[in-house]
Amino acid sequence: MTSPRLLLCGFGSFPEAPLNPSAAVIATLAREAWTPPGAEVDYLTLPVQWQGAAETILRQLQSTPADGVLVVGVAVEAETFRVETLGRNCASRDRPDQAGRVWGSPLVAEAGEDVIAATAPCQAMASALETEGLPVALSEDAGDYLCNFTLYRLLHAKAAPRVGFLHVPQARECAETAAFDLAQIRQAVTAAAGAFCAELTRPVAEPHTA
């Protein structure tokens, strides 16, 4: 039996997070070739660009298909880890990306549904973080910036059988006043990714809805 494959992605820097803990943790895990038991993991760092983030993932999946995609992003003001359960068809029209460009529409996709449920094992990921003693919540609102935008684009495109998103708080190594350090961010990412991979060989459950 072929091992399930997960594409694990983190975002690079952007104006509100010149040092992004999601990119730092993903880079470390990639260097170490970390994989949970019985799975294969590919790693990708995404540009924080309206036209670029989702495209980078879709190109990677064309060359190396995956059973699941887990994107990790930072919520700089968050005090808890958040497993996103919905992608929403909304986008900010006035927040520039790292390249200084703005998105010209309030929608991610003009003909898309209002919301699309994440197909990742959201409850299993949240439970894994709870087991690690980390504060975690299931979230129905990933915001209106690149995190929600990328999640919705991937779900709308059916990029992989299972697609999910983990929001992590800022890390002390990136901002002195943050409540968590990179070791805890790594702990959360590996716990979520491990739980995700454990579910990849099982049938997709009924999606969470608002």
C-alpha atoms as a PDB file:
ATOM      1  CA  MET A   1       0.000   0.000   0.000  1.00  0.00           C
ATOM      2  CA  THR A   2       1.336   3.430  -0.944  1.00  0.00           C
ATOM      3  CA  SER A   3       1.976   5.769   1.971  1.00  0.00           C
ATOM      4  CA  PRO A   4      -0.326   8.804   2.095  1.00  0.00           C
ATOM      5  CA  ARG A   5       1.326  12.060   1.052  1.00  0.00           C
ATOM      6  CA  LEU A   6       0.790  15.426   2.726  1.00  0.00           C
ATOM      7  CA  LEU A   7       1.827  18.790   1.321  1.00  0.00           C
ATOM      8  CA  LEU A   8       2.698  21.012   4.289  1.00  0.00           C
ATOM      9  CA  CYS A   9       2.908  24.734   3.525  1.00  0.00           C
ATOM     10  CA  GLY A  10       3.865  27.885   5.406  1.00  0.00           C
ATOM     11  CA  PHE A  11       3.757  31.559   4.448  1.00  0.00           C
ATOM     12  CA  GLY A  12       6.697  33.896   4.060  1.00  0.00           C
ATOM     13  CA  SER A  13       6.940  37.417   5.410  1.00  0.00           C
ATOM     14  CA  PHE A  14       4.328  40.140   4.937  1.00  0.00           C
ATOM     15  CA  PRO A  15       3.907  43.679   6.286  1.00  0.00           C
ATOM     16  CA  GLU A  16       2.337  42.637   9.604  1.00  0.00           C
ATOM     17  CA  ALA A  17       4.806  39.768  10.166  1.00  0.00           C
ATOM     18  CA  PRO A  18       8.270  40.500   8.737  1.00  0.00           C
ATOM     19  CA  LEU A  19       9.337  37.335  10.559  1.00  0.00           C
ATOM     20  CA  ASN A  20       6.678  34.688  10.021  1.00  0.00           C
ATOM     21  CA  PRO A  21       6.747  31.720  12.416  1.00  0.00           C
ATOM     22  CA  SER A  22       4.884  29.496   9.964  1.00  0.00           C
ATOM     23  CA  ALA A  23       7.723  29.835   7.437  1.00  0.00           C
ATOM     24  CA  ALA A  24      10.352  29.352  10.137  1.00  0.00           C
ATOM     25  CA  VAL A  25       8.818  26.113  11.395  1.00  0.00           C
ATOM     26  CA  ILE A  26       8.157  24.724   7.921  1.00  0.00           C
ATOM     27  CA  ALA A  27      11.754  25.458   6.908  1.00  0.00           C
ATOM     28  CA  THR A  28      13.069  23.644   9.984  1.00  0.00           C
ATOM     29  CA  LEU A  29      10.858  20.609   9.443  1.00  0.00           C
ATOM     30  CA  ALA A  30      11.883  20.494   5.770  1.00  0.00           C
ATOM     31  CA  ARG A  31      15.589  20.580   6.680  1.00  0.00           C
ATOM     32  CA  GLU A  32      15.045  17.753   9.133  1.00  0.00           C
ATOM     33  CA  ALA A  33      12.880  15.817   6.645  1.00  0.00           C
ATOM     34  CA  TRP A  34      10.326  15.342   9.417  1.00  0.00           C
ATOM     35  CA  THR A  35       7.531  12.895   8.629  1.00  0.00           C
ATOM     36  CA  PRO A  36       4.900  11.275  10.834  1.00  0.00           C
ATOM     37  CA  PRO A  37       4.853   7.455  10.902  1.00  0.00           C
ATOM     38  CA  GLY A  38       3.553   5.824   7.735  1.00  0.00           C
ATOM     39  CA  ALA A  39       3.315   9.000   5.669  1.00  0.00           C
ATOM     40  CA  GLU A  40       5.303  11.124   3.248  1.00  0.00           C
ATOM     41  CA  VAL A  41       5.513  14.897   3.518  1.00  0.00           C
ATOM     42  CA  ASP A  42       6.457  17.539   0.967  1.00  0.00           C
ATOM     43  CA  TYR A  43       7.200  21.094   2.096  1.00  0.00           C
ATOM     44  CA  LEU A  44       6.513  24.439   0.502  1.00  0.00           C
ATOM     45  CA  THR A  45       6.982  28.084   1.509  1.00  0.00           C
ATOM     46  CA  LEU A  46       4.389  30.361  -0.041  1.00  0.00           C
ATOM     47  CA  PRO A  47       4.698  33.959  -1.159  1.00  0.00           C
ATOM     48  CA  VAL A  48       2.225  36.256   0.581  1.00  0.00           C
ATOM     49  CA  GLN A  49       0.718  37.361  -2.712  1.00  0.00           C
ATOM     50  CA  TRP A  50      -2.865  37.458  -3.911  1.00  0.00           C
ATOM     51  CA  GLN A  51      -1.715  36.053  -7.231  1.00  0.00           C
ATOM     52  CA  GLY A  52       0.948  33.611  -6.203  1.00  0.00           C
ATOM     53  CA  ALA A  53       0.154  31.736  -2.989  1.00  0.00           C
ATOM     54  CA  ALA A  54      -2.499  29.316  -4.235  1.00  0.00           C
ATOM     55  CA  GLU A  55      -0.823  29.098  -7.637  1.00  0.00           C
ATOM     56  CA  THR A  56       2.402  27.908  -5.993  1.00  0.00           C
ATOM     57  CA  ILE A  57       0.511  25.074  -4.305  1.00  0.00           C
ATOM     58  CA  LEU A  58      -1.429  24.119  -7.435  1.00  0.00           C
ATOM     59  CA  ARG A  59       1.777  23.937  -9.496  1.00  0.00           C
ATOM     60  CA  GLN A  60       3.363  21.719  -6.859  1.00  0.00           C
ATOM     61  CA  LEU A  61       0.342  19.406  -6.878  1.00  0.00           C
ATOM     62  CA  GLN A  62       0.448  19.120 -10.648  1.00  0.00           C
ATOM     63  CA  SER A  63       3.981  17.742 -10.461  1.00  0.00           C
ATOM     64  CA  THR A  64       3.568  15.791  -7.205  1.00  0.00           C
ATOM     65  CA  PRO A  65      -0.045  15.038  -6.271  1.00  0.00           C
ATOM     66  CA  ALA A  66      -0.858  14.763  -2.577  1.00  0.00           C
ATOM     67  CA  ASP A  67      -3.664  13.173  -0.600  1.00  0.00           C
ATOM     68  CA  GLY A  68      -3.871  16.208   1.645  1.00  0.00           C
ATOM     69  CA  VAL A  69      -2.746  19.821   1.888  1.00  0.00           C
ATOM     70  CA  LEU A  70      -2.230  21.543   5.229  1.00  0.00           C
ATOM     71  CA  VAL A  71      -1.427  25.252   5.087  1.00  0.00           C
ATOM     72  CA  VAL A  72      -0.074  27.003   8.170  1.00  0.00           C
ATOM     73  CA  GLY A  73      -0.399  30.748   8.609  1.00  0.00           C
ATOM     74  CA  VAL A  74       0.127  33.244  11.398  1.00  0.00           C
ATOM     75  CA  ALA A  75      -2.587  35.275  13.109  1.00  0.00           C
ATOM     76  CA  VAL A  76      -0.413  37.924  14.717  1.00  0.00           C
ATOM     77  CA  GLU A  77      -2.940  38.986  17.386  1.00  0.00           C
ATOM     78  CA  ALA A  78      -4.138  35.460  18.258  1.00  0.00           C
ATOM     79  CA  GLU A  79      -3.714  33.998  21.725  1.00  0.00           C
ATOM     80  CA  THR A  80      -4.705  30.479  20.713  1.00  0.00           C
ATOM     81  CA  PHE A  81      -4.124  28.052  17.862  1.00  0.00           C
ATOM     82  CA  ARG A  82      -7.020  27.866  15.413  1.00  0.00           C
ATOM     83  CA  VAL A  83      -8.044  25.011  13.147  1.00  0.00           C
ATOM     84  CA  GLU A  84     -10.020  26.643  10.345  1.00  0.00           C
ATOM     85  CA  THR A  85     -13.160  24.770   9.364  1.00  0.00           C
ATOM     86  CA  LEU A  86     -14.489  27.025   6.581  1.00  0.00           C
ATOM     87  CA  GLY A  87     -13.170  28.903   3.594  1.00  0.00           C
ATOM     88  CA  ARG A  88     -15.225  32.025   2.916  1.00  0.00           C
ATOM     89  CA  ASN A  89     -15.704  33.683  -0.450  1.00  0.00           C
ATOM     90  CA  CYS A  90     -14.558  37.085   0.740  1.00  0.00           C
ATOM     91  CA  ALA A  91     -11.352  39.069   0.356  1.00  0.00           C
ATOM     92  CA  SER A  92     -10.087  42.430   1.499  1.00  0.00           C
ATOM     93  CA  ARG A  93      -9.879  45.006  -1.275  1.00  0.00           C
ATOM     94  CA  ASP A  94      -7.511  47.346   0.558  1.00  0.00           C
ATOM     95  CA  ARG A  95      -4.865  45.152   2.224  1.00  0.00           C
ATOM     96  CA  PRO A  96      -1.708  44.979   0.100  1.00  0.00           C
ATOM     97  CA  ASP A  97       0.232  41.761  -0.205  1.00  0.00           C
ATOM     98  CA  GLN A  98       3.992  41.487   0.179  1.00  0.00           C
ATOM     99  CA  ALA A  99       4.415  42.775  -3.373  1.00  0.00           C
ATOM    100  CA  GLY A 100       2.287  45.848  -2.580  1.00  0.00           C
ATOM    101  CA  ARG A 101      -0.662  44.696  -4.696  1.00  0.00           C
ATOM    102  CA  VAL A 102      -4.299  44.677  -3.615  1.00  0.00           C
ATOM    103  CA  TRP A 103      -7.078  42.309  -4.653  1.00  0.00           C
ATOM    104  CA  GLY A 104      -9.621  44.046  -6.870  1.00  0.00           C
ATOM    105  CA  SER A 105     -12.741  42.204  -5.760  1.00  0.00           C
ATOM    106  CA  PRO A 106     -14.557  41.540  -2.482  1.00  0.00           C
ATOM    107  CA  LEU A 107     -14.818  37.895  -3.614  1.00  0.00           C
ATOM    108  CA  VAL A 108     -12.189  35.188  -3.952  1.00  0.00           C
ATOM    109  CA  ALA A 109     -14.100  33.600  -6.848  1.00  0.00           C
ATOM    110  CA  GLU A 110     -16.894  35.414  -8.682  1.00  0.00           C
ATOM    111  CA  ALA A 111     -18.928  32.236  -9.256  1.00  0.00           C
ATOM    112  CA  GLY A 112     -17.995  30.474  -6.022  1.00  0.00           C
ATOM    113  CA  GLU A 113     -20.125  29.353  -3.102  1.00  0.00           C
ATOM    114  CA  ASP A 114     -20.351  31.651  -0.079  1.00  0.00           C
ATOM    115  CA  VAL A 115     -18.558  29.135   2.135  1.00  0.00           C
ATOM    116  CA  ILE A 116     -16.836  25.813   1.562  1.00  0.00           C
ATOM    117  CA  ALA A 117     -16.160  23.419   4.415  1.00  0.00           C
ATOM    118  CA  ALA A 118     -12.573  22.365   4.979  1.00  0.00           C
ATOM    119  CA  THR A 119     -12.066  18.720   4.083  1.00  0.00           C
ATOM    120  CA  ALA A 120      -9.214  18.202   6.552  1.00  0.00           C
ATOM    121  CA  PRO A 121      -9.854  16.198   9.750  1.00  0.00           C
ATOM    122  CA  CYS A 122     -10.405  19.380  11.754  1.00  0.00           C
ATOM    123  CA  GLN A 123     -11.590  17.774  14.988  1.00  0.00           C
ATOM    124  CA  ALA A 124      -8.733  15.255  14.963  1.00  0.00           C
ATOM    125  CA  MET A 125      -6.209  18.059  14.511  1.00  0.00           C
ATOM    126  CA  ALA A 126      -7.737  20.107  17.315  1.00  0.00           C
ATOM    127  CA  SER A 127      -7.757  17.077  19.606  1.00  0.00           C
ATOM    128  CA  ALA A 128      -4.089  16.449  18.845  1.00  0.00           C
ATOM    129  CA  LEU A 129      -3.190  19.979  19.939  1.00  0.00           C
ATOM    130  CA  GLU A 130      -5.276  19.600  23.082  1.00  0.00           C
ATOM    131  CA  THR A 131      -3.365  16.409  23.869  1.00  0.00           C
ATOM    132  CA  GLU A 132      -0.141  18.433  23.603  1.00  0.00           C
ATOM    133  CA  GLY A 133      -1.508  20.882  26.160  1.00  0.00           C
ATOM    134  CA  LEU A 134      -1.826  23.717  23.642  1.00  0.00           C
ATOM    135  CA  PRO A 135      -4.817  26.093  23.559  1.00  0.00           C
ATOM    136  CA  VAL A 136      -6.813  25.429  20.409  1.00  0.00           C
ATOM    137  CA  ALA A 137     -10.191  26.294  18.923  1.00  0.00           C
ATOM    138  CA  LEU A 138     -12.179  25.289  15.876  1.00  0.00           C
ATOM    139  CA  SER A 139     -12.689  28.482  13.882  1.00  0.00           C
ATOM    140  CA  GLU A 140     -15.272  29.378  11.245  1.00  0.00           C
ATOM    141  CA  ASP A 141     -13.616  32.614  10.147  1.00  0.00           C
ATOM    142  CA  ALA A 142     -10.084  32.679   8.719  1.00  0.00           C
ATOM    143  CA  GLY A 143     -10.271  36.424   8.049  1.00  0.00           C
ATOM    144  CA  ASP A 144     -10.203  38.261   4.721  1.00  0.00           C
ATOM    145  CA  TYR A 145      -6.494  38.168   3.898  1.00  0.00           C
ATOM    146  CA  LEU A 146      -4.248  35.578   2.256  1.00  0.00           C
ATOM    147  CA  CYS A 147      -4.961  32.798   4.754  1.00  0.00           C
ATOM    148  CA  ASN A 148      -8.683  32.598   4.009  1.00  0.00           C
ATOM    149  CA  PHE A 149      -8.039  33.454   0.360  1.00  0.00           C
ATOM    150  CA  THR A 150      -5.664  30.522  -0.083  1.00  0.00           C
ATOM    151  CA  LEU A 151      -7.861  28.085   1.835  1.00  0.00           C
ATOM    152  CA  TYR A 152     -10.910  29.014  -0.220  1.00  0.00           C
ATOM    153  CA  ARG A 153      -9.013  28.848  -3.517  1.00  0.00           C
ATOM    154  CA  LEU A 154      -7.743  25.344  -2.736  1.00  0.00           C
ATOM    155  CA  LEU A 155     -11.159  24.093  -1.640  1.00  0.00           C
ATOM    156  CA  HIS A 156     -12.871  25.692  -4.625  1.00  0.00           C
ATOM    157  CA  ALA A 157     -10.346  24.077  -7.000  1.00  0.00           C
ATOM    158  CA  LYS A 158     -10.603  20.707  -5.206  1.00  0.00           C
ATOM    159  CA  ALA A 159      -6.822  20.817  -5.142  1.00  0.00           C
ATOM    160  CA  ALA A 160      -6.534  17.636  -3.079  1.00  0.00           C
ATOM    161  CA  PRO A 161      -8.931  15.161  -1.468  1.00  0.00           C
ATOM    162  CA  ARG A 162      -8.370  16.848   1.883  1.00  0.00           C
ATOM    163  CA  VAL A 163      -7.458  20.473   2.466  1.00  0.00           C
ATOM    164  CA  GLY A 164      -7.018  22.247   5.777  1.00  0.00           C
ATOM    165  CA  PHE A 165      -5.590  25.318   7.460  1.00  0.00           C
ATOM    166  CA  LEU A 166      -3.945  25.889  10.831  1.00  0.00           C
ATOM    167  CA  HIS A 167      -3.581  29.399  12.211  1.00  0.00           C
ATOM    168  CA  VAL A 168      -0.744  29.791  14.702  1.00  0.00           C
ATOM    169  CA  PRO A 169      -0.029  32.765  16.991  1.00  0.00           C
ATOM    170  CA  GLN A 170       3.064  34.893  16.623  1.00  0.00           C
ATOM    171  CA  ALA A 171       6.274  33.559  18.236  1.00  0.00           C
ATOM    172  CA  ARG A 172       8.594  35.280  20.712  1.00  0.00           C
ATOM    173  CA  GLU A 173      11.524  34.848  18.355  1.00  0.00           C
ATOM    174  CA  CYS A 174       9.592  36.994  15.871  1.00  0.00           C
ATOM    175  CA  ALA A 175       7.963  39.432  18.312  1.00  0.00           C
ATOM    176  CA  GLU A 176       9.122  39.846  21.918  1.00  0.00           C
ATOM    177  CA  THR A 177       5.617  40.305  23.329  1.00  0.00           C
ATOM    178  CA  ALA A 178       4.243  37.055  21.838  1.00  0.00           C
ATOM    179  CA  ALA A 179       2.908  34.398  24.197  1.00  0.00           C
ATOM    180  CA  PHE A 180       4.443  31.361  22.493  1.00  0.00           C
ATOM    181  CA  ASP A 181       7.887  30.375  21.244  1.00  0.00           C
ATOM    182  CA  LEU A 182       8.905  28.613  18.042  1.00  0.00           C
ATOM    183  CA  ALA A 183       9.229  25.294  19.863  1.00  0.00           C
ATOM    184  CA  GLN A 184       5.533  25.475  20.738  1.00  0.00           C
ATOM    185  CA  ILE A 185       4.601  26.519  17.198  1.00  0.00           C
ATOM    186  CA  ARG A 186       6.540  23.500  15.924  1.00  0.00           C
ATOM    187  CA  GLN A 187       4.801  21.297  18.488  1.00  0.00           C
ATOM    188  CA  ALA A 188       1.420  22.462  17.200  1.00  0.00           C
ATOM    189  CA  VAL A 189       2.298  22.028  13.531  1.00  0.00           C
ATOM    190  CA  THR A 190       3.682  18.511  13.965  1.00  0.00           C
ATOM    191  CA  ALA A 191       0.715  17.487  16.107  1.00  0.00           C
ATOM    192  CA  ALA A 192      -1.771  18.786  13.539  1.00  0.00           C
ATOM    193  CA  ALA A 193       0.130  17.304  10.605  1.00  0.00           C
ATOM    194  CA  GLY A 194       0.473  13.961  12.356  1.00  0.00           C
ATOM    195  CA  ALA A 195      -3.257  13.818  13.069  1.00  0.00           C
ATOM    196  CA  PHE A 196      -3.978  14.874   9.481  1.00  0.00           C
ATOM    197  CA  CYS A 197      -1.791  12.091   8.062  1.00  0.00           C
ATOM    198  CA  ALA A 198      -3.348   9.506  10.365  1.00  0.00           C
ATOM    199  CA  GLU A 199      -6.736  10.260   8.787  1.00  0.00           C
ATOM    200  CA  LEU A 200      -5.626  10.327   5.154  1.00  0.00           C
ATOM    201  CA  THR A 201      -6.312   6.650   4.517  1.00  0.00           C
ATOM    202  CA  ARG A 202      -9.832   6.899   5.956  1.00  0.00           C
ATOM    203  CA  PRO A 203     -12.976   8.030   4.094  1.00  0.00           C
ATOM    204  CA  VAL A 204     -13.695  11.764   4.174  1.00  0.00           C
ATOM    205  CA  ALA A 205     -16.124  12.516   6.999  1.00  0.00           C
ATOM    206  CA  GLU A 206     -19.149  14.752   6.715  1.00  0.00           C
ATOM    207  CA  PRO A 207     -17.784  18.327   6.540  1.00  0.00           C
ATOM    208  CA  HIS A 208     -18.243  20.810   9.353  1.00  0.00           C
ATOM    209  CA  THR A 209     -20.732  23.503   8.439  1.00  0.00           C
ATOM    210  CA  ALA A 210     -21.660  26.808   9.973  1.00  0.00           C
END
